[in-house]
N, C-alpha and C. Protein backbone atom coordinates (compact mmCIF):
# COMPACT_ATOMS: atom_id res chain seq x y z
N MET A 1 54.75 16.25 -60.51
CA MET A 1 54.26 15.19 -60.04
C MET A 1 52.50 15.46 -59.93
N ASN A 2 51.97 15.18 -60.90
CA ASN A 2 50.36 15.10 -61.12
C ASN A 2 49.93 13.81 -60.49
N PRO A 3 49.33 13.89 -59.16
CA PRO A 3 48.64 12.88 -58.87
C PRO A 3 47.17 12.92 -59.31
N ALA A 4 46.52 11.25 -59.85
CA ALA A 4 45.44 11.10 -60.25
C ALA A 4 45.23 9.49 -60.19
N PRO A 5 44.09 9.29 -60.18
CA PRO A 5 43.60 7.79 -59.84
C PRO A 5 43.03 7.10 -61.02
N ASN A 6 43.02 7.65 -62.37
CA ASN A 6 43.05 7.34 -63.37
C ASN A 6 44.13 8.22 -64.69
N LEU A 7 43.94 7.30 -65.24
CA LEU A 7 44.61 7.50 -66.84
C LEU A 7 43.96 7.24 -68.30
N PHE A 8 43.36 8.62 -68.82
CA PHE A 8 42.27 8.99 -70.08
C PHE A 8 43.18 9.02 -70.99
N LEU A 9 42.64 8.26 -72.11
CA LEU A 9 43.48 8.61 -73.76
C LEU A 9 43.19 9.43 -74.38
N ILE A 10 42.79 10.94 -74.63
CA ILE A 10 42.19 11.23 -76.03
C ILE A 10 42.56 11.23 -77.13
N GLY A 11 42.48 11.91 -78.20
CA GLY A 11 42.80 12.16 -79.36
C GLY A 11 42.15 11.71 -80.57
N PRO A 12 42.69 11.69 -81.79
CA PRO A 12 41.89 11.51 -83.00
C PRO A 12 41.65 10.03 -83.23
N MET A 13 40.55 9.87 -84.07
CA MET A 13 40.71 8.59 -84.68
C MET A 13 41.83 8.15 -85.63
N GLY A 14 42.50 7.02 -85.21
CA GLY A 14 43.87 6.20 -85.32
C GLY A 14 44.80 6.68 -84.96
N ALA A 15 44.57 7.24 -83.50
CA ALA A 15 45.89 7.71 -83.16
C ALA A 15 46.37 6.42 -82.08
N GLY A 16 45.55 5.59 -82.00
CA GLY A 16 46.25 4.47 -81.25
C GLY A 16 45.68 4.83 -79.88
N LYS A 17 44.38 5.11 -79.69
CA LYS A 17 44.15 5.24 -78.05
C LYS A 17 43.87 3.82 -77.54
N SER A 18 43.24 3.18 -78.11
CA SER A 18 43.02 1.78 -77.77
C SER A 18 44.11 1.22 -77.96
N THR A 19 44.73 0.72 -78.76
CA THR A 19 46.03 -0.02 -78.77
C THR A 19 46.76 0.10 -77.70
N VAL A 20 47.61 1.65 -77.80
CA VAL A 20 48.23 1.96 -77.08
C VAL A 20 47.67 1.68 -75.24
N GLY A 21 46.52 2.37 -75.29
CA GLY A 21 46.07 2.21 -73.72
C GLY A 21 45.74 0.63 -73.17
N ARG A 22 45.40 -0.31 -74.05
CA ARG A 22 45.48 -1.99 -73.57
C ARG A 22 46.75 -2.06 -72.94
N HIS A 23 48.05 -1.69 -74.06
CA HIS A 23 49.37 -2.25 -73.31
C HIS A 23 49.85 -1.34 -72.14
N LEU A 24 49.34 0.02 -72.35
CA LEU A 24 49.94 0.89 -70.79
C LEU A 24 48.99 0.27 -69.52
N ALA A 25 47.75 -0.39 -69.78
CA ALA A 25 47.07 -0.84 -68.56
C ALA A 25 48.23 -2.11 -68.03
N GLU A 26 48.19 -3.06 -69.27
CA GLU A 26 49.19 -4.17 -68.60
C GLU A 26 50.37 -3.92 -67.99
N PHE A 27 50.81 -2.74 -68.29
CA PHE A 27 52.07 -2.51 -68.26
C PHE A 27 51.72 -2.06 -66.14
N LEU A 28 50.75 -1.31 -66.23
CA LEU A 28 50.89 -0.60 -64.68
C LEU A 28 49.27 -1.29 -63.98
N ARG A 29 49.33 -2.48 -64.74
CA ARG A 29 48.35 -3.25 -64.04
C ARG A 29 46.71 -2.73 -63.26
N MET A 30 46.80 -2.38 -64.44
CA MET A 30 45.19 -1.60 -64.17
C MET A 30 44.40 -2.24 -65.39
N PRO A 31 42.88 -1.77 -65.37
CA PRO A 31 41.91 -2.40 -65.70
C PRO A 31 42.05 -1.36 -67.08
N PHE A 32 41.56 -2.05 -68.30
CA PHE A 32 41.51 -1.54 -69.38
C PHE A 32 39.79 -0.74 -69.98
N LEU A 33 39.64 0.16 -69.93
CA LEU A 33 38.00 0.37 -70.75
C LEU A 33 38.45 1.13 -71.99
N ASP A 34 37.41 0.69 -73.14
CA ASP A 34 37.27 1.76 -74.13
C ASP A 34 36.00 2.20 -74.36
N LEU A 35 35.86 3.37 -74.17
CA LEU A 35 34.45 4.20 -73.97
C LEU A 35 33.41 3.43 -75.28
N ASP A 36 34.03 3.59 -76.67
CA ASP A 36 33.30 3.22 -77.84
C ASP A 36 32.86 1.75 -77.39
N HIS A 37 33.30 0.62 -77.17
CA HIS A 37 32.80 -0.68 -76.59
C HIS A 37 32.19 -0.41 -75.37
N GLU A 38 32.61 -0.12 -74.67
CA GLU A 38 31.49 0.03 -73.55
C GLU A 38 30.15 0.46 -73.96
N ILE A 39 30.18 1.94 -74.63
CA ILE A 39 28.86 2.07 -75.21
C ILE A 39 28.12 0.73 -76.22
N GLU A 40 28.69 0.24 -76.95
CA GLU A 40 28.24 -1.18 -77.55
C GLU A 40 27.62 -2.12 -76.50
N ALA A 41 28.74 -2.46 -75.62
CA ALA A 41 28.15 -3.42 -74.46
C ALA A 41 26.75 -2.90 -74.00
N HIS A 42 26.70 -1.77 -73.76
CA HIS A 42 25.68 -1.17 -72.76
C HIS A 42 24.31 -0.93 -73.51
N THR A 43 24.50 -0.64 -74.82
CA THR A 43 23.69 -0.67 -75.58
C THR A 43 23.26 -1.77 -76.62
N GLY A 44 23.89 -2.72 -76.63
CA GLY A 44 23.63 -3.91 -77.31
C GLY A 44 23.99 -3.81 -79.05
N ALA A 45 24.26 -2.51 -79.20
CA ALA A 45 24.32 -1.89 -80.57
C ALA A 45 25.59 -1.72 -81.26
N ALA A 46 26.45 -1.68 -82.30
CA ALA A 46 26.69 -1.28 -82.62
C ALA A 46 26.89 0.31 -82.72
N ILE A 47 28.37 1.20 -82.57
CA ILE A 47 28.31 2.91 -82.92
C ILE A 47 27.81 3.05 -84.21
N SER A 48 28.17 2.47 -85.10
CA SER A 48 27.51 2.86 -86.53
C SER A 48 25.80 2.94 -86.30
N LEU A 49 25.36 1.61 -85.87
CA LEU A 49 23.92 1.72 -85.54
C LEU A 49 23.32 2.57 -85.04
N ILE A 50 23.84 2.89 -83.76
CA ILE A 50 23.34 4.10 -83.05
C ILE A 50 23.58 5.06 -83.86
N PHE A 51 24.42 5.46 -84.60
CA PHE A 51 24.52 6.98 -85.37
C PHE A 51 23.62 6.89 -86.53
N GLU A 52 23.27 5.41 -86.66
CA GLU A 52 22.16 5.90 -87.71
C GLU A 52 20.45 5.92 -87.13
N LEU A 53 20.68 5.77 -86.56
CA LEU A 53 19.32 5.72 -85.46
C LEU A 53 19.13 7.18 -84.91
N GLU A 54 19.72 7.33 -84.15
CA GLU A 54 19.99 8.27 -83.10
C GLU A 54 20.63 9.82 -83.69
N GLN A 55 21.10 9.32 -85.05
CA GLN A 55 22.04 10.42 -85.22
C GLN A 55 23.34 10.90 -84.55
N GLU A 56 24.42 11.76 -84.78
CA GLU A 56 25.39 12.00 -83.75
C GLU A 56 25.17 12.57 -82.57
N ALA A 57 24.13 13.47 -82.46
CA ALA A 57 23.46 13.90 -80.95
C ALA A 57 23.20 12.80 -80.00
N GLY A 58 22.44 11.73 -80.30
CA GLY A 58 21.89 10.62 -79.74
C GLY A 58 23.21 10.22 -79.50
N PHE A 59 23.93 9.45 -80.12
CA PHE A 59 25.45 8.85 -79.88
C PHE A 59 26.19 9.34 -78.46
N ARG A 60 26.18 11.21 -78.83
CA ARG A 60 26.96 12.37 -77.94
C ARG A 60 26.42 12.16 -76.72
N ARG A 61 25.16 11.73 -76.50
CA ARG A 61 23.73 11.93 -74.92
C ARG A 61 24.36 10.47 -74.61
N ARG A 62 24.45 9.53 -75.17
CA ARG A 62 25.07 8.10 -74.74
C ARG A 62 26.40 8.10 -74.00
N GLU A 63 27.13 8.94 -74.90
CA GLU A 63 28.67 9.13 -74.59
C GLU A 63 28.83 9.42 -73.45
N SER A 64 28.54 10.28 -73.13
CA SER A 64 28.41 11.51 -72.23
C SER A 64 27.69 11.02 -70.84
N ALA A 65 26.59 10.24 -71.07
CA ALA A 65 26.32 9.65 -69.61
C ALA A 65 27.54 8.52 -68.98
N LEU A 66 27.65 7.59 -70.54
CA LEU A 66 28.24 6.84 -69.67
C LEU A 66 29.70 7.13 -69.37
N LEU A 67 30.44 8.24 -69.86
CA LEU A 67 31.62 8.66 -69.33
C LEU A 67 31.58 9.16 -67.92
N ALA A 68 30.73 9.70 -67.78
CA ALA A 68 30.22 10.19 -66.23
C ALA A 68 30.38 8.68 -65.15
N GLU A 69 29.61 7.65 -65.89
CA GLU A 69 29.89 6.57 -65.08
C GLU A 69 31.22 5.60 -64.88
N VAL A 70 31.83 5.87 -66.03
CA VAL A 70 33.24 5.15 -66.10
C VAL A 70 34.34 6.04 -65.54
N THR A 71 34.27 7.13 -65.32
CA THR A 71 35.26 8.11 -64.72
C THR A 71 34.73 8.36 -63.33
N ALA A 72 33.69 7.97 -62.81
CA ALA A 72 33.62 7.80 -61.34
C ALA A 72 35.00 6.67 -60.77
N ARG A 73 34.93 6.00 -61.62
CA ARG A 73 35.67 4.04 -61.13
C ARG A 73 37.17 5.12 -60.47
N GLU A 74 38.10 4.24 -60.05
CA GLU A 74 39.56 4.71 -59.56
C GLU A 74 40.32 3.55 -60.10
N GLY A 75 41.38 3.83 -60.78
CA GLY A 75 42.12 3.22 -61.06
C GLY A 75 42.47 2.26 -62.21
N ILE A 76 41.79 3.07 -63.37
CA ILE A 76 41.14 2.68 -64.69
C ILE A 76 42.10 3.35 -65.51
N VAL A 77 42.68 2.77 -66.96
CA VAL A 77 42.91 3.69 -67.85
C VAL A 77 41.96 3.47 -69.10
N LEU A 78 41.33 4.53 -69.59
CA LEU A 78 40.30 4.71 -70.36
C LEU A 78 40.77 5.12 -71.81
N ALA A 79 40.21 4.85 -73.02
CA ALA A 79 40.20 5.19 -74.16
C ALA A 79 38.93 5.86 -74.52
N THR A 80 39.05 7.07 -74.54
CA THR A 80 37.60 8.05 -75.27
C THR A 80 37.55 7.62 -76.63
N GLY A 81 36.67 7.89 -77.12
CA GLY A 81 36.02 8.03 -78.87
C GLY A 81 36.58 9.72 -79.07
N GLY A 82 37.19 9.61 -79.93
CA GLY A 82 37.87 11.23 -80.45
C GLY A 82 37.00 12.12 -80.13
N GLY A 83 35.51 12.11 -80.32
CA GLY A 83 34.57 13.45 -79.98
C GLY A 83 34.31 13.30 -78.73
N ALA A 84 34.41 13.14 -77.95
CA ALA A 84 34.24 13.01 -76.17
C ALA A 84 34.80 14.30 -76.11
N VAL A 85 35.66 14.82 -76.34
CA VAL A 85 35.73 15.99 -75.96
C VAL A 85 34.61 17.16 -76.42
N LEU A 86 33.95 17.08 -77.08
CA LEU A 86 32.90 18.12 -77.76
C LEU A 86 32.42 18.67 -77.04
N ASP A 87 31.97 18.08 -75.56
CA ASP A 87 30.78 18.22 -74.65
C ASP A 87 31.92 18.92 -73.54
N ALA A 88 31.59 20.06 -73.19
CA ALA A 88 32.28 20.88 -71.90
C ALA A 88 32.14 19.98 -70.51
N GLY A 89 30.62 19.05 -70.18
CA GLY A 89 31.02 18.64 -68.93
C GLY A 89 31.81 17.03 -69.11
N ASN A 90 32.13 16.79 -70.60
CA ASN A 90 32.83 16.04 -70.55
C ASN A 90 34.40 15.97 -70.33
N ARG A 91 34.75 17.31 -71.18
CA ARG A 91 36.01 18.10 -70.64
C ARG A 91 36.16 18.31 -69.30
N ARG A 92 35.23 18.74 -68.63
CA ARG A 92 35.26 19.03 -67.03
C ARG A 92 35.79 17.52 -66.27
N LEU A 93 35.05 16.57 -66.48
CA LEU A 93 35.05 15.01 -65.83
C LEU A 93 36.63 14.36 -65.97
N LEU A 94 36.95 14.52 -67.64
CA LEU A 94 38.63 14.29 -67.53
C LEU A 94 39.03 14.47 -66.96
N ARG A 95 39.12 16.12 -66.59
CA ARG A 95 40.03 16.94 -65.92
C ARG A 95 40.43 16.83 -64.76
N GLU A 96 39.02 16.40 -64.37
CA GLU A 96 38.43 16.24 -62.68
C GLU A 96 38.81 14.86 -62.57
N ARG A 97 38.97 13.88 -62.95
CA ARG A 97 38.98 12.48 -62.20
C ARG A 97 40.13 11.97 -62.88
N GLY A 98 41.06 12.40 -63.78
CA GLY A 98 42.21 11.72 -63.96
C GLY A 98 43.13 12.29 -65.01
N TYR A 99 44.23 11.45 -65.12
CA TYR A 99 45.18 12.54 -65.97
C TYR A 99 45.24 12.46 -67.32
N VAL A 100 45.35 13.02 -67.70
CA VAL A 100 44.50 13.24 -69.60
C VAL A 100 45.84 13.09 -70.59
N ILE A 101 45.96 12.10 -71.52
CA ILE A 101 46.99 12.30 -72.34
C ILE A 101 46.14 12.18 -73.57
N TRP A 102 47.14 13.14 -74.23
CA TRP A 102 46.35 13.58 -76.09
C TRP A 102 47.53 12.97 -76.70
N LEU A 103 47.03 11.54 -76.95
CA LEU A 103 47.59 11.02 -78.26
C LEU A 103 47.21 11.16 -79.05
N ASP A 104 48.28 11.84 -80.29
CA ASP A 104 48.14 12.47 -81.54
C ASP A 104 48.47 11.63 -82.74
N ALA A 105 47.89 12.06 -83.84
CA ALA A 105 48.58 11.22 -85.02
C ALA A 105 48.36 12.89 -86.37
N SER A 106 48.63 12.68 -87.27
CA SER A 106 48.60 13.74 -88.52
C SER A 106 47.49 13.19 -89.11
N VAL A 107 47.02 13.84 -89.85
CA VAL A 107 45.96 13.60 -90.52
C VAL A 107 46.51 12.29 -91.71
N ASP A 108 47.88 12.23 -92.45
CA ASP A 108 48.57 11.09 -93.09
C ASP A 108 48.51 10.05 -92.12
N ALA A 109 49.35 10.03 -90.96
CA ALA A 109 49.13 9.28 -90.53
C ALA A 109 47.63 8.29 -90.16
N GLN A 110 46.84 9.22 -89.89
CA GLN A 110 45.18 8.47 -89.34
C GLN A 110 45.03 8.00 -90.76
N LEU A 111 45.05 8.52 -91.88
CA LEU A 111 44.65 8.25 -93.05
C LEU A 111 44.98 6.43 -93.50
N ALA A 112 45.93 6.38 -93.44
CA ALA A 112 47.06 5.22 -93.55
C ALA A 112 46.54 4.24 -92.78
N ARG A 113 46.40 4.90 -91.32
CA ARG A 113 45.86 3.45 -90.20
C ARG A 113 44.33 3.08 -90.65
N LEU A 114 43.65 4.01 -90.90
CA LEU A 114 42.50 3.80 -91.20
C LEU A 114 42.05 3.68 -92.68
N ALA A 115 42.78 3.37 -93.38
CA ALA A 115 43.05 2.59 -94.84
C ALA A 115 41.70 1.81 -95.06
N ARG A 116 41.56 0.93 -94.30
CA ARG A 116 40.70 -0.27 -94.51
C ARG A 116 39.41 -0.47 -93.85
N ASP A 117 39.29 0.76 -92.49
CA ASP A 117 38.22 0.78 -91.56
C ASP A 117 37.22 1.32 -92.23
N ARG A 118 35.89 0.80 -92.72
CA ARG A 118 34.44 1.24 -93.52
C ARG A 118 33.21 1.05 -92.03
N HIS A 119 33.60 1.02 -90.84
CA HIS A 119 32.92 1.36 -89.37
C HIS A 119 32.61 2.37 -89.07
N ARG A 120 33.72 3.05 -89.29
CA ARG A 120 33.20 4.70 -88.32
C ARG A 120 32.46 5.70 -88.87
N PRO A 121 31.42 6.04 -88.53
CA PRO A 121 30.49 6.88 -89.09
C PRO A 121 31.03 8.12 -89.29
N LEU A 122 31.87 8.87 -88.46
CA LEU A 122 32.19 10.14 -88.95
C LEU A 122 33.18 10.21 -90.44
N LEU A 123 34.07 9.11 -90.49
CA LEU A 123 35.03 8.41 -91.84
C LEU A 123 33.67 8.61 -92.89
N GLN A 124 32.91 8.06 -92.78
CA GLN A 124 32.10 7.89 -93.97
C GLN A 124 31.38 9.18 -95.09
N ALA A 125 32.81 9.38 -95.55
CA ALA A 125 32.46 10.67 -96.36
C ALA A 125 33.30 10.49 -97.97
N PRO A 126 32.95 11.44 -98.95
CA PRO A 126 33.48 11.38 -100.10
C PRO A 126 34.88 11.46 -99.84
N ASP A 127 35.57 12.51 -99.08
CA ASP A 127 36.98 13.03 -98.99
C ASP A 127 37.65 12.88 -97.21
N ARG A 128 38.03 11.62 -97.48
CA ARG A 128 38.25 11.13 -96.05
C ARG A 128 39.55 12.16 -95.26
N ARG A 129 40.14 12.96 -96.46
CA ARG A 129 41.46 13.91 -95.80
C ARG A 129 40.51 14.95 -95.45
N GLU A 130 39.60 15.16 -96.07
CA GLU A 130 39.35 16.60 -95.72
C GLU A 130 38.42 16.48 -94.58
N ARG A 131 37.47 15.17 -94.26
CA ARG A 131 36.47 14.90 -93.37
C ARG A 131 37.56 15.11 -91.88
N LEU A 132 39.21 14.67 -91.87
CA LEU A 132 39.46 14.29 -91.16
C LEU A 132 40.14 15.63 -90.37
N GLU A 133 40.63 16.43 -91.58
CA GLU A 133 41.22 18.34 -91.42
C GLU A 133 40.07 18.49 -90.50
N GLN A 134 38.73 18.59 -91.16
CA GLN A 134 37.50 19.17 -90.45
C GLN A 134 37.55 18.93 -88.92
N LEU A 135 37.80 17.41 -88.53
CA LEU A 135 37.59 17.04 -87.22
C LEU A 135 38.63 17.46 -86.60
N ALA A 136 39.82 17.65 -87.27
CA ALA A 136 41.23 17.82 -85.94
C ALA A 136 40.71 19.36 -85.79
N ASP A 137 40.40 20.58 -86.81
CA ASP A 137 39.95 21.78 -87.14
C ASP A 137 39.41 22.09 -85.48
N ARG A 138 37.95 21.35 -85.59
CA ARG A 138 37.20 21.52 -84.54
C ARG A 138 37.82 20.97 -83.21
N ARG A 139 38.71 19.62 -83.17
CA ARG A 139 38.69 19.21 -81.68
C ARG A 139 40.19 19.93 -81.26
N ASN A 140 41.37 20.03 -82.23
CA ASN A 140 42.46 19.93 -81.45
C ASN A 140 43.09 20.82 -80.11
N ALA A 141 41.89 21.75 -80.27
CA ALA A 141 42.43 22.98 -79.34
C ALA A 141 41.58 22.70 -78.53
N LEU A 142 40.52 21.53 -78.43
CA LEU A 142 39.78 21.16 -77.29
C LEU A 142 40.73 20.20 -76.46
N TYR A 143 41.31 18.96 -77.44
CA TYR A 143 41.93 18.10 -76.54
C TYR A 143 43.38 18.79 -76.07
N ALA A 144 43.61 20.37 -76.66
CA ALA A 144 44.88 21.17 -76.03
C ALA A 144 44.68 21.50 -74.51
N GLU A 145 43.33 21.74 -74.59
CA GLU A 145 42.78 22.89 -72.94
C GLU A 145 42.67 21.48 -72.38
N ILE A 146 42.76 20.31 -72.29
CA ILE A 146 42.37 19.43 -71.26
C ILE A 146 43.85 18.59 -70.78
N ALA A 147 44.59 18.41 -71.51
CA ALA A 147 45.63 17.53 -71.72
C ALA A 147 46.54 17.90 -70.69
N ASP A 148 46.69 17.04 -69.82
CA ASP A 148 48.01 16.87 -69.11
C ASP A 148 49.57 16.80 -69.74
N LEU A 149 49.54 15.61 -70.54
CA LEU A 149 50.42 15.33 -71.56
C LEU A 149 50.11 15.10 -73.18
N HIS A 150 50.76 15.52 -74.04
CA HIS A 150 50.68 15.24 -75.35
C HIS A 150 51.86 14.68 -75.83
N LEU A 151 51.26 13.74 -76.36
CA LEU A 151 52.61 12.24 -77.12
C LEU A 151 52.08 12.11 -78.79
N ASP A 152 52.95 12.41 -79.83
CA ASP A 152 52.75 12.43 -80.95
C ASP A 152 52.94 10.62 -81.22
N SER A 153 51.61 9.97 -81.44
CA SER A 153 52.07 8.30 -81.55
C SER A 153 52.71 8.05 -83.06
N VAL A 154 52.70 8.86 -83.63
CA VAL A 154 53.24 8.54 -85.17
C VAL A 154 55.00 8.76 -85.08
N GLY A 155 55.81 7.90 -84.62
CA GLY A 155 57.12 7.78 -85.29
C GLY A 155 58.02 7.37 -84.21
N VAL A 156 57.04 6.33 -83.24
CA VAL A 156 57.54 5.89 -82.00
C VAL A 156 57.43 4.66 -82.37
N GLY A 157 57.44 4.04 -83.31
CA GLY A 157 56.97 2.41 -83.84
C GLY A 157 55.95 2.07 -83.50
N ASN A 158 55.96 0.54 -83.04
CA ASN A 158 54.49 0.29 -83.06
C ASN A 158 53.86 0.52 -81.82
N SER A 159 52.65 0.27 -81.26
CA SER A 159 51.56 0.49 -79.80
C SER A 159 52.27 -0.23 -79.09
N MET A 160 53.49 -0.96 -79.23
CA MET A 160 54.24 -1.72 -77.91
C MET A 160 55.18 -0.39 -77.27
N HIS A 161 56.08 -0.31 -78.32
CA HIS A 161 56.95 1.06 -78.11
C HIS A 161 56.43 2.09 -77.98
N ALA A 162 54.96 2.61 -78.37
CA ALA A 162 54.50 3.76 -77.72
C ALA A 162 54.04 3.90 -76.51
N ALA A 163 53.44 2.76 -76.01
CA ALA A 163 53.18 2.67 -74.64
C ALA A 163 54.24 2.35 -73.63
N HIS A 164 55.60 1.99 -74.06
CA HIS A 164 56.63 2.54 -73.64
C HIS A 164 57.17 3.49 -73.37
N ASP A 165 57.11 4.12 -74.66
CA ASP A 165 57.79 5.64 -74.31
C ASP A 165 56.68 6.71 -73.37
N LEU A 166 55.44 6.07 -73.50
CA LEU A 166 54.14 6.83 -72.71
C LEU A 166 54.78 6.55 -70.90
N LEU A 167 55.15 5.60 -70.68
CA LEU A 167 55.00 4.90 -69.45
C LEU A 167 56.36 5.56 -69.33
N ASP A 168 57.49 5.88 -69.92
CA ASP A 168 58.32 6.94 -69.18
C ASP A 168 58.36 8.31 -69.04
N LEU A 169 57.67 8.74 -69.54
CA LEU A 169 57.18 9.99 -69.56
C LEU A 169 56.14 10.13 -68.71
N LEU A 170 55.39 9.13 -67.72
CA LEU A 170 54.43 9.19 -67.13
C LEU A 170 55.18 8.89 -65.43
N GLU A 171 56.45 8.44 -65.17
CA GLU A 171 57.31 8.32 -64.42
C GLU A 171 57.71 9.38 -63.47
N ALA A 172 57.63 10.34 -64.70
CA ALA A 172 58.51 11.56 -64.36
C ALA A 172 56.95 12.34 -63.96
N ARG A 173 55.47 12.18 -64.67
CA ARG A 173 55.03 13.52 -64.82
C ARG A 173 53.30 13.00 -63.82
N TRP A 174 53.16 11.97 -63.50
CA TRP A 174 52.24 11.19 -62.88
C TRP A 174 52.27 10.04 -62.08
N ARG A 175 51.62 10.17 -60.88
CA ARG A 175 51.56 8.88 -59.56
C ARG A 175 50.46 8.63 -59.36
N ARG A 176 50.03 7.61 -59.38
CA ARG A 176 48.63 7.23 -59.07
C ARG A 176 48.21 7.83 -57.62
N GLY A 177 47.02 8.65 -57.44
CA GLY A 177 46.94 9.29 -56.46
C GLY A 177 45.13 9.49 -56.41
N ARG A 178 44.60 9.99 -55.64
CA ARG A 178 42.91 10.65 -55.14
C ARG A 178 42.76 11.43 -56.42
N ALA A 179 41.88 11.61 -56.98
CA ALA A 179 41.12 12.44 -57.61
C ALA A 179 41.39 14.05 -56.89
N GLU A 180 41.90 14.83 -57.61
CA GLU A 180 41.66 16.66 -56.97
C GLU A 180 40.74 16.57 -56.06
N THR A 181 39.24 16.47 -56.38
CA THR A 181 38.08 16.45 -55.88
C THR A 181 37.95 15.87 -54.80
N LEU A 182 38.54 14.59 -54.40
CA LEU A 182 38.70 13.67 -53.30
C LEU A 182 39.92 14.11 -52.47
N ALA A 183 41.00 14.95 -52.93
CA ALA A 183 42.10 14.65 -52.08
C ALA A 183 42.00 15.74 -50.77
């Protein structure tokens, strides 16, 4: 049993972190936060505009600053952006301040789920499959490094089913508790 005050969902775009996270938070009666939405709310700008004006490096600085702020809270379910794990400091904060769930999806599943999405800056590429494979190659080891639990979101039905499956797994592996650094 791994006590932690928060649940953090990591994984690639299109894995269902936001939709599954909302359901999970509702089941557990915990507040839900989506880090990308929080960034947009704090800046007053869309993620795509931040990428356009500040490039990925500028976005990542904003992401790290806000991640430090929101992970300091206790009793939340947080869906991170897929690239939040790129920064070592972010990975440390996620590990120290919560129970980390890697919600995974194959590149084929991502392509299907993101077929109509035209807003994600990192998906704006001539070959979406190649881009998603590059992202997976770079990020999967980082997800694995910090994940307390790894769940493939494909093949479990809709997001409600995935959240129920996740809740069942969490009953045996996680309980709400104080952060390791506070215990």
